[in-house]
Amino acid sequence: MTQFHIARSGQQLGVFAEQEIQTGITSGQFVGDDLYWTEGMADWQPVSTRFASVQAAATPQFPTITGFNPYAAPQSNVVSAAMKPQHALASRGSRLGASLLDGLVGAFAVGLPLVAGIAMLSGAEKSNNEVPVSAIVSFIIAGLAFLGLTIYNIILLTNSGQTIAKRWLGIRIVNQPDGQNPGFVKAFLLRSFVNTIICQVVPFYSIVDACFIFREDQRCLHDLIADTVVVKC
């Protein structure tokens, strides 16, 4: 005897013989849009497609529901990265503030010992004295500070899409449009290193680059080159 699996709203109602289903339709236990499946069927189909003759009133036909299986293991509702809500864009003010703060950090860490070294070297030249050791030490400190800041910022950009100042201000660089971490190539090589080279070659490029922040998506030229956008954390 053929047995039919009946399901409603993704839940199994049981396994029934054909006569039981006909009786159930008549009594209202089953309705036309309940789904049935039996061995040999590829997909679940509405009850109305097989047992329409026993329904008290005509029931409209329903399309086959392909791939539905109430007995399948539960699955989490996975949303692709491209469908996630867009991140909130970082304000233009916060981006400007981050740029200025990064410059101030560099000026303080590198500029101060460099200026001190130059001043001591200049004083030694005026008095015809030998280059003081303190001046050499100052230049070494400036060089180490520059190297250290550069390496640290590259690490931050690679791991979190941030510089020191961007971390302070709670903004970061992400891929456009999926919002993922851009990594070393995009966050540093394309967005910073390549962009700096272009600035040295193309006249007024830096001005045009900065003006692009007034686009609706606030993406500067270096963002477009790297396919990134700056958002709030």
Protein backbone atom coordinates (compact mmCIF):
# COMPACT_ATOMS: atom_id res chain seq x y z
CA MET A 1 0.00 0.00 0.00
CA THR A 2 1.36 3.40 -0.98
CA GLN A 3 2.21 5.60 1.96
CA PHE A 4 2.25 9.40 1.68
CA HIS A 5 4.29 11.79 3.81
CA ILE A 6 2.31 14.95 4.57
CA ALA A 7 3.89 18.24 5.64
CA ARG A 8 2.64 21.73 6.43
CA SER A 9 4.73 24.88 6.85
CA GLY A 10 7.91 22.79 6.86
CA GLN A 11 6.69 20.46 9.63
CA GLN A 12 5.88 16.76 9.19
CA LEU A 13 2.27 15.85 9.96
CA GLY A 14 2.80 12.12 9.54
CA VAL A 15 2.63 9.23 7.08
CA PHE A 16 -0.83 8.32 5.78
CA ALA A 17 -2.49 5.91 3.38
CA GLU A 18 -4.36 7.33 0.39
CA GLN A 19 -7.78 6.63 1.95
CA GLU A 20 -6.74 8.41 5.14
CA ILE A 21 -5.74 11.48 3.15
CA GLN A 22 -9.05 11.52 1.25
CA THR A 23 -10.96 11.25 4.52
CA GLY A 24 -8.78 13.94 6.07
CA ILE A 25 -9.46 16.35 3.21
CA THR A 26 -13.18 15.80 3.57
CA SER A 27 -13.06 16.40 7.33
CA GLY A 28 -10.77 19.39 7.06
CA GLN A 29 -7.76 17.68 8.62
CA PHE A 30 -5.79 18.34 5.43
CA VAL A 31 -6.01 21.31 3.08
CA GLY A 32 -5.13 21.68 -0.56
CA ASP A 33 -1.84 23.52 0.01
CA ASP A 34 -0.45 20.87 2.37
CA LEU A 35 2.47 19.08 0.71
CA TYR A 36 2.77 15.37 0.05
CA TRP A 37 5.63 13.11 -0.98
CA THR A 38 5.96 9.40 -1.61
CA GLU A 39 8.71 7.16 -2.91
CA GLY A 40 9.55 7.78 -6.54
CA MET A 41 8.70 11.51 -6.46
CA ALA A 42 11.45 14.02 -7.17
CA ASP A 43 9.84 16.92 -5.27
CA TRP A 44 7.09 17.67 -2.79
CA GLN A 45 3.80 18.77 -4.34
CA PRO A 46 0.55 20.25 -3.02
CA VAL A 47 -2.10 17.77 -1.92
CA SER A 48 -4.55 19.47 -4.29
CA THR A 49 -2.61 18.22 -7.33
CA ARG A 50 -3.45 14.58 -6.52
CA PHE A 51 -6.57 14.62 -4.32
CA ALA A 52 -8.52 17.49 -5.88
CA SER A 53 -11.51 15.26 -6.66
CA VAL A 54 -12.32 14.73 -3.00
CA GLN A 55 -12.25 18.39 -2.00
CA ALA A 56 -15.58 20.00 -1.23
CA ALA A 57 -14.76 22.95 -3.44
CA ALA A 58 -12.38 23.44 -6.31
CA THR A 59 -8.91 24.24 -5.12
CA PRO A 60 -6.53 26.23 -7.35
CA GLN A 61 -3.42 24.44 -8.49
CA PHE A 62 -0.18 25.38 -6.81
CA PRO A 63 3.26 25.36 -8.37
CA THR A 64 5.71 22.61 -7.48
CA ILE A 65 7.95 23.59 -4.61
CA THR A 66 11.33 22.49 -5.83
CA GLY A 67 13.92 21.36 -3.36
CA PHE A 68 11.67 21.47 -0.26
CA ASN A 69 12.28 18.66 2.20
CA PRO A 70 10.87 18.80 5.75
CA TYR A 71 13.18 15.92 6.71
CA ALA A 72 16.36 17.75 5.81
CA ALA A 73 18.68 18.80 8.63
CA PRO A 74 18.00 22.35 9.90
CA GLN A 75 20.18 24.96 8.28
CA SER A 76 21.19 28.37 9.53
CA ASN A 77 20.04 31.39 7.59
CA VAL A 78 23.29 32.32 5.87
CA VAL A 79 23.42 35.79 4.34
CA SER A 80 26.16 36.46 1.81
CA ALA A 81 28.63 39.24 2.55
CA ALA A 82 27.39 41.20 -0.44
CA MET A 83 23.86 41.26 1.07
CA LYS A 84 24.89 42.51 4.49
CA PRO A 85 23.74 46.02 5.41
CA GLN A 86 26.13 48.69 4.28
CA HIS A 87 28.53 50.04 6.90
CA ALA A 88 27.99 53.64 7.97
CA LEU A 89 30.40 55.89 6.13
CA ALA A 90 32.99 57.72 8.20
CA SER A 91 32.35 61.45 8.24
CA ARG A 92 34.50 63.73 6.15
CA GLY A 93 35.56 65.49 9.34
CA SER A 94 36.79 62.29 10.96
CA ARG A 95 38.77 61.38 7.86
CA LEU A 96 40.38 64.82 7.76
CA GLY A 97 41.07 64.59 11.50
CA ALA A 98 42.70 61.18 11.08
CA SER A 99 44.93 62.49 8.29
CA LEU A 100 46.01 65.48 10.39
CA LEU A 101 46.58 63.36 13.49
CA ASP A 102 48.71 60.87 11.60
CA GLY A 103 50.78 63.80 10.35
CA LEU A 104 51.15 65.21 13.87
CA VAL A 105 52.22 61.82 15.23
CA GLY A 106 54.87 61.61 12.54
CA ALA A 107 55.98 65.19 13.11
CA PHE A 108 56.33 64.60 16.84
CA ALA A 109 58.06 61.24 16.67
CA VAL A 110 60.30 61.94 13.67
CA GLY A 111 60.36 65.70 13.32
CA LEU A 112 61.49 66.63 16.83
CA PRO A 113 64.69 64.54 16.90
CA LEU A 114 65.37 65.46 13.27
CA VAL A 115 65.09 69.19 13.96
CA ALA A 116 67.22 68.80 17.08
CA GLY A 117 69.90 66.99 15.09
CA ILE A 118 69.90 69.63 12.37
CA ALA A 119 70.17 72.42 14.96
CA MET A 120 73.14 70.75 16.66
CA LEU A 121 74.81 70.09 13.31
CA SER A 122 74.31 73.70 12.26
CA GLY A 123 75.76 74.98 15.55
CA ALA A 124 78.81 72.77 15.15
CA GLU A 125 79.41 74.06 11.61
CA LYS A 126 79.20 77.69 12.71
CA SER A 127 81.73 77.12 15.48
CA ASN A 128 83.90 74.92 13.26
CA ASN A 129 83.55 72.05 15.66
CA GLU A 130 83.29 68.39 14.80
CA VAL A 131 79.87 66.86 14.29
CA PRO A 132 78.60 66.23 17.81
CA VAL A 133 77.64 62.69 18.79
CA SER A 134 74.32 64.03 20.05
CA ALA A 135 73.42 65.16 16.53
CA ILE A 136 74.19 61.72 15.12
CA VAL A 137 72.10 60.13 17.87
CA SER A 138 69.23 62.48 17.05
CA PHE A 139 69.33 61.50 13.38
CA ILE A 140 69.38 57.81 14.33
CA ILE A 141 66.39 58.30 16.63
CA ALA A 142 64.51 60.11 13.85
CA GLY A 143 65.27 57.30 11.41
CA LEU A 144 64.22 54.60 13.84
CA ALA A 145 61.05 56.50 14.70
CA PHE A 146 60.15 56.79 11.01
CA LEU A 147 60.84 53.11 10.42
CA GLY A 148 58.93 52.06 13.53
CA LEU A 149 55.88 54.19 12.71
CA THR A 150 55.84 52.94 9.13
CA ILE A 151 56.01 49.28 10.15
CA TYR A 152 53.42 49.72 12.89
CA ASN A 153 50.98 51.48 10.56
CA ILE A 154 51.47 48.79 7.89
CA ILE A 155 50.64 46.13 10.48
CA LEU A 156 47.52 48.04 11.57
CA LEU A 157 46.42 48.58 7.97
CA THR A 158 46.94 44.91 7.12
CA ASN A 159 45.15 43.54 10.19
CA SER A 160 42.36 46.06 10.73
CA GLY A 161 42.39 48.62 7.92
CA GLN A 162 43.47 51.36 10.30
CA THR A 163 46.33 53.72 10.98
CA ILE A 164 47.11 54.98 14.49
CA ALA A 165 44.84 58.00 14.08
CA LYS A 166 42.03 56.04 12.40
CA ARG A 167 42.04 53.69 15.39
CA TRP A 168 41.83 56.63 17.79
CA LEU A 169 38.89 58.13 15.89
CA GLY A 170 37.02 54.85 15.43
CA ILE A 171 37.12 54.58 11.64
CA ARG A 172 38.65 52.01 9.31
CA ILE A 173 39.21 51.05 5.69
CA VAL A 174 37.15 48.18 4.27
CA ASN A 175 36.57 46.54 0.90
CA GLN A 176 33.81 47.93 -1.26
CA PRO A 177 31.11 46.62 -1.24
CA ASP A 178 31.46 43.58 1.06
CA GLY A 179 32.92 45.44 4.06
CA GLN A 180 35.73 42.93 4.61
CA ASN A 181 39.27 43.73 5.73
CA PRO A 182 41.22 44.92 2.64
CA GLY A 183 44.55 43.44 3.75
CA PHE A 184 48.10 44.48 2.87
CA VAL A 185 47.73 44.83 -0.91
CA LYS A 186 44.70 47.11 -0.93
CA ALA A 187 45.10 48.97 2.35
CA PHE A 188 48.80 49.75 1.95
CA LEU A 189 50.25 48.95 -1.47
CA LEU A 190 47.43 50.31 -3.65
CA ARG A 191 45.85 52.87 -1.38
CA SER A 192 49.01 54.38 0.08
CA PHE A 193 52.20 53.36 -1.71
CA VAL A 194 50.92 53.47 -5.31
CA ASN A 195 48.92 56.60 -4.59
CA THR A 196 52.05 58.35 -3.25
CA ILE A 197 53.97 57.47 -6.42
CA ILE A 198 51.17 58.90 -8.57
CA CYS A 199 51.26 62.10 -6.49
CA GLN A 200 54.93 62.51 -7.34
CA VAL A 201 54.34 62.05 -11.08
CA VAL A 202 50.96 63.66 -11.86
CA PRO A 203 50.65 67.43 -11.25
CA PHE A 204 47.82 68.48 -8.93
CA TYR A 205 46.87 64.84 -8.38
CA SER A 206 46.78 65.22 -4.59
CA ILE A 207 44.30 68.11 -4.88
CA VAL A 208 42.01 66.18 -7.22
CA ASP A 209 42.32 63.11 -5.00
CA ALA A 210 41.21 65.07 -1.94
CA CYS A 211 38.29 66.72 -3.80
CA PHE A 212 36.82 63.31 -4.62
CA ILE A 213 35.76 63.00 -0.98
CA PHE A 214 32.78 65.20 -1.85
CA ARG A 215 31.29 62.37 -3.91
CA GLU A 216 28.14 60.82 -2.49
CA ASP A 217 30.06 57.70 -1.43
CA GLN A 218 32.98 59.84 -0.12
CA ARG A 219 35.54 57.72 -1.96
CA CYS A 220 38.72 59.52 -2.94
CA LEU A 221 40.81 58.50 -5.94
CA HIS A 222 42.98 56.27 -3.75
CA ASP A 223 39.79 54.52 -2.57
CA LEU A 224 38.75 53.94 -6.17
CA ILE A 225 42.21 52.61 -7.06
CA ALA A 226 42.13 50.13 -4.16
CA ASP A 227 38.36 49.48 -4.31
CA THR A 228 37.94 50.51 -0.67
CA VAL A 229 35.79 52.81 1.42
CA VAL A 230 36.29 54.34 4.89
CA VAL A 231 33.58 53.50 7.43
CA LYS A 232 32.81 53.81 11.12
CA CYS A 233 33.92 50.91 13.30
